[in-house]
Each structure stands twice: as C-alpha cells, then as structure tokens.
C-alpha cells in the first residue's frame, strides 16, 4: 500500500506525462480548468485501479489499457480526418 503523499505524487506524474503528450487540438478543444480536472480524475482512477491489482496482473492490465486507448485514438483521428 502507498501513502496518500505517494499517491498524490504518482497522480501528478501521470497528469504531467499525459499533458505533455496530448494532442494540441484536443487540449484546445476544452477549457484548461476542465482539462486539468479530467486529467486529475482519470489519473486518480488509473492509480486506484492498478494499485488494486496483484503485482502479477498490473503489467498486463496496463498494457491492455494502453492498447485500447491507442486504438480508440487511432479511430477517432481517422474519423476526424475524414470529416
């Protein structure tokens, strides 16, 4: 189990990494406060989900989640370029 301080630090790291790599058009599509709130909430949910798993399950769940998100992003990008 991690402390509240460690969890907060982990959430901040996830938010920073996600923000760095976010598509500019997506960032510009919402207000910064909404984006920040969404990133905080989703990062906290991810931490809760992953930390709730056994060590042996964490990597496969993380990889499956990343794969799903990449495919969804790919589909959305294609749909947006075909409009």
C-alpha atoms as a PDB file:
ATOM      1  CA  UNK A   1       0.000   0.000   0.000  1.00  0.00           C
ATOM      2  CA  UNK A   2       1.200   3.535  -0.689  1.00  0.00           C
ATOM      3  CA  UNK A   3       0.768   6.626   1.420  1.00  0.00           C
ATOM      4  CA  UNK A   4      -1.553   9.478   0.473  1.00  0.00           C
ATOM      5  CA  UNK A   5       1.512  11.601  -0.275  1.00  0.00           C
ATOM      6  CA  UNK A   6       2.974   8.940  -2.588  1.00  0.00           C
ATOM      7  CA  UNK A   7      -0.382   8.556  -4.338  1.00  0.00           C
ATOM      8  CA  UNK A   8      -0.657  12.305  -4.883  1.00  0.00           C
ATOM      9  CA  UNK A   9       2.880  12.376  -6.300  1.00  0.00           C
ATOM     10  CA  UNK A  10       2.064   9.465  -8.619  1.00  0.00           C
ATOM     11  CA  UNK A  11      -1.125  11.149  -9.842  1.00  0.00           C
ATOM     12  CA  UNK A  12       0.826  14.385 -10.505  1.00  0.00           C
ATOM     13  CA  UNK A  13       3.420  12.428 -12.515  1.00  0.00           C
ATOM     14  CA  UNK A  14       0.709  10.779 -14.606  1.00  0.00           C
ATOM     15  CA  UNK A  15      -1.009  14.115 -15.239  1.00  0.00           C
ATOM     16  CA  UNK A  16       2.283  15.727 -16.284  1.00  0.00           C
ATOM     17  CA  UNK A  17       3.150  12.904 -18.687  1.00  0.00           C
ATOM     18  CA  UNK A  18      -0.357  12.791 -20.141  1.00  0.00           C
ATOM     19  CA  UNK A  19      -0.398  16.567 -20.631  1.00  0.00           C
ATOM     20  CA  UNK A  20       2.993  16.546 -22.340  1.00  0.00           C
ATOM     21  CA  UNK A  21       1.895  14.020 -24.924  1.00  0.00           C
ATOM     22  CA  UNK A  22      -1.653  15.225 -25.511  1.00  0.00           C
ATOM     23  CA  UNK A  23      -2.671  16.290 -28.987  1.00  0.00           C
ATOM     24  CA  UNK A  24      -2.771  20.102 -29.243  1.00  0.00           C
ATOM     25  CA  UNK A  25      -6.183  20.055 -30.925  1.00  0.00           C
ATOM     26  CA  UNK A  26      -7.598  18.061 -28.030  1.00  0.00           C
ATOM     27  CA  UNK A  27      -6.027  20.430 -25.499  1.00  0.00           C
ATOM     28  CA  UNK A  28      -7.506  23.391 -27.350  1.00  0.00           C
ATOM     29  CA  UNK A  29     -10.971  21.794 -27.540  1.00  0.00           C
ATOM     30  CA  UNK A  30     -11.659  22.205 -23.810  1.00  0.00           C
ATOM     31  CA  UNK A  31     -11.028  24.867 -21.226  1.00  0.00           C
ATOM     32  CA  UNK A  32      -7.785  24.399 -19.267  1.00  0.00           C
ATOM     33  CA  UNK A  33      -9.646  24.002 -15.955  1.00  0.00           C
ATOM     34  CA  UNK A  34     -11.852  21.267 -17.429  1.00  0.00           C
ATOM     35  CA  UNK A  35      -8.854  19.526 -18.927  1.00  0.00           C
ATOM     36  CA  UNK A  36      -6.956  19.703 -15.642  1.00  0.00           C
ATOM     37  CA  UNK A  37      -9.911  18.341 -13.689  1.00  0.00           C
ATOM     38  CA  UNK A  38     -10.398  15.493 -16.159  1.00  0.00           C
ATOM     39  CA  UNK A  39      -6.713  14.604 -16.096  1.00  0.00           C
ATOM     40  CA  UNK A  40      -6.641  14.632 -12.286  1.00  0.00           C
ATOM     41  CA  UNK A  41      -9.753  12.490 -12.001  1.00  0.00           C
ATOM     42  CA  UNK A  42      -8.709   9.970 -14.634  1.00  0.00           C
ATOM     43  CA  UNK A  43      -5.158   9.683 -13.296  1.00  0.00           C
ATOM     44  CA  UNK A  44      -6.506   9.083  -9.803  1.00  0.00           C
ATOM     45  CA  UNK A  45      -8.865   6.410 -11.164  1.00  0.00           C
ATOM     46  CA  UNK A  46      -5.988   4.716 -13.001  1.00  0.00           C
ATOM     47  CA  UNK A  47      -3.846   4.689  -9.858  1.00  0.00           C
ATOM     48  CA  UNK A  48      -6.721   3.194  -7.857  1.00  0.00           C
ATOM     49  CA  UNK A  49      -7.373   0.526 -10.484  1.00  0.00           C
ATOM     50  CA  UNK A  50      -3.744  -0.505 -10.933  1.00  0.00           C
ATOM     51  CA  UNK A  51      -2.858  -0.477  -7.242  1.00  0.00           C
ATOM     52  CA  UNK A  52      -5.900  -2.640  -6.546  1.00  0.00           C
ATOM     53  CA  UNK A  53      -4.433  -5.449  -8.641  1.00  0.00           C
ATOM     54  CA  UNK A  54      -1.945  -8.121  -7.688  1.00  0.00           C
ATOM     55  CA  UNK A  55       1.597  -7.391  -8.823  1.00  0.00           C
ATOM     56  CA  UNK A  56       1.355 -10.207 -11.365  1.00  0.00           C
ATOM     57  CA  UNK A  57      -1.704  -8.592 -13.001  1.00  0.00           C
ATOM     58  CA  UNK A  58      -0.571  -4.974 -13.171  1.00  0.00           C
ATOM     59  CA  UNK A  59       1.595  -5.111 -16.284  1.00  0.00           C
ATOM     60  CA  UNK A  60      -0.907  -6.972 -18.454  1.00  0.00           C
ATOM     61  CA  UNK A  61      -3.788  -4.721 -17.392  1.00  0.00           C
ATOM     62  CA  UNK A  62      -1.679  -1.616 -18.038  1.00  0.00           C
ATOM     63  CA  UNK A  63      -0.655  -2.885 -21.482  1.00  0.00           C
ATOM     64  CA  UNK A  64      -4.242  -3.822 -22.370  1.00  0.00           C
ATOM     65  CA  UNK A  65      -5.447  -0.383 -21.282  1.00  0.00           C
ATOM     66  CA  UNK A  66      -2.780   1.394 -23.350  1.00  0.00           C
ATOM     67  CA  UNK A  67      -3.598  -0.762 -26.380  1.00  0.00           C
ATOM     68  CA  UNK A  68      -7.321   0.026 -26.070  1.00  0.00           C
ATOM     69  CA  UNK A  69      -6.646   3.751 -25.781  1.00  0.00           C
ATOM     70  CA  UNK A  70      -4.272   3.743 -28.750  1.00  0.00           C
ATOM     71  CA  UNK A  71      -6.856   2.001 -30.929  1.00  0.00           C
ATOM     72  CA  UNK A  72      -9.617   4.378 -29.807  1.00  0.00           C
ATOM     73  CA  UNK A  73      -7.373   7.364 -30.521  1.00  0.00           C
ATOM     74  CA  UNK A  74      -6.451   5.960 -33.936  1.00  0.00           C
ATOM     75  CA  UNK A  75     -10.126   5.500 -34.823  1.00  0.00           C
ATOM     76  CA  UNK A  76     -11.037   8.994 -33.615  1.00  0.00           C
ATOM     77  CA  UNK A  77      -8.160  10.560 -35.538  1.00  0.00           C
ATOM     78  CA  UNK A  78      -9.237   8.759 -38.729  1.00  0.00           C
ATOM     79  CA  UNK A  79     -12.856   9.795 -38.243  1.00  0.00           C
ATOM     80  CA  UNK A  80     -11.822  13.411 -37.694  1.00  0.00           C
ATOM     81  CA  UNK A  81      -9.644  13.461 -40.810  1.00  0.00           C
ATOM     82  CA  UNK A  82     -12.487  12.001 -42.911  1.00  0.00           C
ATOM     83  CA  UNK A  83     -14.943  14.765 -41.956  1.00  0.00           C
END
